[in-house]
Protein backbone atom coordinates (compact mmCIF):
# COMPACT_ATOMS: atom_id res chain seq x y z
CA UNK A 1 -24.44 -10.74 -6.12
CA UNK A 2 -22.76 -7.12 -7.31
CA UNK A 3 -19.08 -7.03 -5.74
CA UNK A 4 -18.92 -3.63 -3.93
CA UNK A 5 -22.24 -5.00 -2.18
CA UNK A 6 -20.52 -8.67 -1.34
CA UNK A 7 -16.87 -6.84 0.03
CA UNK A 8 -19.70 -4.03 2.47
CA UNK A 9 -21.05 -7.52 3.53
CA UNK A 10 -17.78 -9.11 4.19
CA UNK A 11 -16.67 -6.34 5.86
CA UNK A 12 -18.75 -5.46 8.30
CA UNK A 13 -19.70 -9.12 8.89
CA UNK A 14 -16.07 -9.89 9.88
CA UNK A 15 -15.97 -6.95 11.96
CA UNK A 16 -18.78 -8.18 13.80
CA UNK A 17 -17.45 -11.33 14.10
CA UNK A 18 -14.73 -9.97 14.96
CA UNK A 19 -15.90 -7.72 18.32
CA UNK A 20 -18.77 -9.60 19.49
CA UNK A 21 -17.38 -13.15 19.32
CA UNK A 22 -13.91 -13.37 18.39
CA UNK A 23 -12.51 -11.03 20.48
CA UNK A 24 -14.92 -12.83 23.77
CA UNK A 25 -12.83 -15.94 22.60
CA UNK A 26 -9.13 -16.64 24.60
CA UNK A 27 -7.84 -20.63 23.75
CA UNK A 28 -5.32 -21.09 26.84
CA UNK A 29 -5.83 -17.60 28.42
CA UNK A 30 -3.96 -15.42 25.36
CA UNK A 31 -4.62 -17.47 22.01
CA UNK A 32 -7.17 -14.91 20.14
CA UNK A 33 -7.84 -15.00 16.40
CA UNK A 34 -7.97 -11.99 14.71
CA UNK A 35 -9.85 -13.96 11.44
CA UNK A 36 -11.20 -9.93 10.45
CA UNK A 37 -7.54 -10.46 8.44
CA UNK A 38 -9.66 -12.52 6.53
CA UNK A 39 -10.63 -8.95 4.71
CA UNK A 40 -7.70 -7.87 3.14
CA UNK A 41 -7.08 -11.24 2.13
CA UNK A 42 -9.46 -11.56 0.48
CA UNK A 43 -10.01 -8.27 -1.32
CA UNK A 44 -9.46 -8.17 -5.18
CA UNK A 45 -6.68 -9.33 -7.28
CA UNK A 46 -7.05 -5.98 -9.14
CA UNK A 47 -7.68 -2.86 -6.52
CA UNK A 48 -5.41 -0.20 -6.07
CA UNK A 49 -2.73 0.05 -3.52
CA UNK A 50 -3.90 2.74 -2.22
CA UNK A 51 -7.77 1.40 -2.09
CA UNK A 52 -6.97 -1.92 -0.69
CA UNK A 53 -5.00 0.29 1.83
CA UNK A 54 -7.49 3.11 2.72
CA UNK A 55 -10.06 -0.43 3.02
CA UNK A 56 -7.80 -2.33 5.38
CA UNK A 57 -6.99 0.60 7.28
CA UNK A 58 -10.79 1.30 8.25
CA UNK A 59 -11.75 -2.31 9.34
CA UNK A 60 -8.67 -1.77 11.70
CA UNK A 61 -10.08 1.20 12.98
CA UNK A 62 -13.51 -0.01 13.77
CA UNK A 63 -11.88 -3.36 15.15
CA UNK A 64 -9.66 -0.77 17.75
CA UNK A 65 -12.74 1.57 18.68
CA UNK A 66 -14.56 -1.18 19.30
CA UNK A 67 -11.84 -2.94 21.75
CA UNK A 68 -10.22 0.47 22.49
CA UNK A 69 -6.98 -0.72 21.19
CA UNK A 70 -5.93 2.36 20.18
CA UNK A 71 -4.77 1.91 17.15
CA UNK A 72 -2.88 -1.05 16.68
CA UNK A 73 -5.18 -2.73 14.46
CA UNK A 74 -5.25 -0.17 12.09
CA UNK A 75 -1.79 -0.54 12.04
CA UNK A 76 -1.22 -3.97 11.88
CA UNK A 77 -3.51 -3.70 8.38
CA UNK A 78 -2.36 -1.28 7.01
CA UNK A 79 1.30 -3.00 6.84
CA UNK A 80 -0.87 -5.77 5.91
CA UNK A 81 -2.62 -4.41 2.50
CA UNK A 82 0.59 -2.53 2.09
CA UNK A 83 2.71 -5.41 1.55
CA UNK A 84 -0.12 -7.14 0.16
CA UNK A 85 1.53 -6.64 -3.32
CA UNK A 86 4.96 -7.66 -2.49
CA UNK A 87 3.43 -10.92 -0.86
CA UNK A 88 1.07 -11.66 -3.63
CA UNK A 89 3.70 -11.13 -6.76
CA UNK A 90 6.38 -13.88 -3.95
CA UNK A 91 3.61 -16.65 -3.43
CA UNK A 92 1.14 -17.10 -6.96
CA UNK A 93 4.79 -15.37 -9.50
CA UNK A 94 4.28 -14.94 -12.83
CA UNK A 95 0.14 -15.16 -12.78
CA UNK A 96 0.26 -11.83 -10.04
CA UNK A 97 2.29 -10.44 -12.55
CA UNK A 98 0.37 -11.07 -15.77
CA UNK A 99 -3.00 -10.37 -13.83
CA UNK A 100 -4.42 -14.31 -15.16
CA UNK A 101 -4.20 -15.22 -11.14
CA UNK A 102 -7.72 -17.45 -10.53
CA UNK A 103 -7.55 -17.19 -6.39
CA UNK A 104 -9.41 -20.26 -6.39
CA UNK A 105 -7.83 -21.89 -9.09
CA UNK A 106 -4.48 -21.60 -7.59
CA UNK A 107 -3.00 -24.77 -5.90
CA UNK A 108 -3.07 -24.71 -1.49
CA UNK A 109 0.87 -24.51 -1.32
CA UNK A 110 0.38 -20.93 -3.07
CA UNK A 111 -2.79 -19.48 -1.54
CA UNK A 112 -1.33 -21.21 2.21
CA UNK A 113 2.06 -19.03 2.00
CA UNK A 114 -0.05 -15.98 0.83
CA UNK A 115 -2.55 -16.50 3.72
CA UNK A 116 0.11 -17.41 5.93
CA UNK A 117 2.57 -13.91 5.42
CA UNK A 118 -0.41 -12.01 5.76
CA UNK A 119 -1.23 -13.14 8.34
CA UNK A 120 1.77 -13.77 10.33
CA UNK A 121 3.38 -9.97 9.24
CA UNK A 122 -0.19 -8.98 10.56
CA UNK A 123 -0.08 -10.64 13.89
CA UNK A 124 3.90 -9.42 14.24
CA UNK A 125 3.06 -5.49 13.51
CA UNK A 126 -0.17 -5.93 16.30
CA UNK A 127 1.59 -7.41 18.81
CA UNK A 128 4.97 -5.72 18.60
CA UNK A 129 2.89 -2.06 18.75
CA UNK A 130 0.44 -4.09 21.98
CA UNK A 131 4.49 -4.08 23.62
CA UNK A 132 5.72 -1.46 22.45
CA UNK A 133 8.89 -2.64 24.67
CA UNK A 134 11.76 -4.77 23.50
CA UNK A 135 12.58 -6.28 26.57
CA UNK A 136 8.66 -8.32 26.14
CA UNK A 137 10.25 -10.14 22.99
CA UNK A 138 8.80 -12.79 24.45
CA UNK A 139 5.65 -11.59 24.78
CA UNK A 140 5.79 -10.74 21.39
CA UNK A 141 7.45 -14.22 19.15
CA UNK A 142 4.57 -16.32 21.91
CA UNK A 143 1.72 -14.13 21.08
CA UNK A 144 2.50 -14.33 17.48
CA UNK A 145 2.98 -17.75 17.04
CA UNK A 146 0.27 -18.64 18.66
CA UNK A 147 -2.41 -16.57 17.32
CA UNK A 148 -0.65 -16.77 13.72
CA UNK A 149 -1.44 -20.25 13.68
CA UNK A 150 -4.85 -20.49 15.11
CA UNK A 151 -5.97 -17.33 12.75
CA UNK A 152 -4.47 -19.33 9.39
CA UNK A 153 -5.90 -22.76 10.39
CA UNK A 154 -9.16 -20.32 10.65
CA UNK A 155 -8.56 -19.15 7.24
CA UNK A 156 -7.81 -21.19 5.37
CA UNK A 157 -11.18 -23.68 6.62
CA UNK A 158 -12.72 -20.50 5.73
CA UNK A 159 -11.76 -20.41 2.43
CA UNK A 160 -11.75 -24.50 1.44
CA UNK A 161 -15.42 -23.73 2.30
CA UNK A 162 -15.90 -20.61 0.00
CA UNK A 163 -13.98 -22.65 -3.00
CA UNK A 164 -16.55 -25.01 -2.28
CA UNK A 165 -18.86 -22.72 -2.85
CA UNK A 166 -17.92 -21.94 -5.97
CA UNK A 167 -17.75 -24.83 -7.40
């Protein structure tokens, strides 16, 4: 399948899944999985920073439009995409530097580190902007940690399924 078609379908699929299903799913009354961040995680590793940030911003903006959240998802996706090259370098080291990185051939620890850092940054920015008050730091940390845990588990399960499909 054509790479741009695959990414377009992933964009639309994750967007629809998020706004139609996952936004209506609350565990324990406040934990919401934000699976659409998987799009930012699975962007091609050789994609330019500006293009990755533009696509991430567009996805976040679409989620904001459907969810009526005023730009917090767009900002969180933008920050995650901006920091993505640093997180890739931290997680995969020299393989990323020399462009020899094959995401699905890397170890579980490296992939988990990459996913966890991107999801954590995304969620921290999202909930910080949602609260937008320093006195609500407990709300921000609680929501970040619980949603981060749930989202990271879901993302890793989906990546494992994709990996098995590729083999």
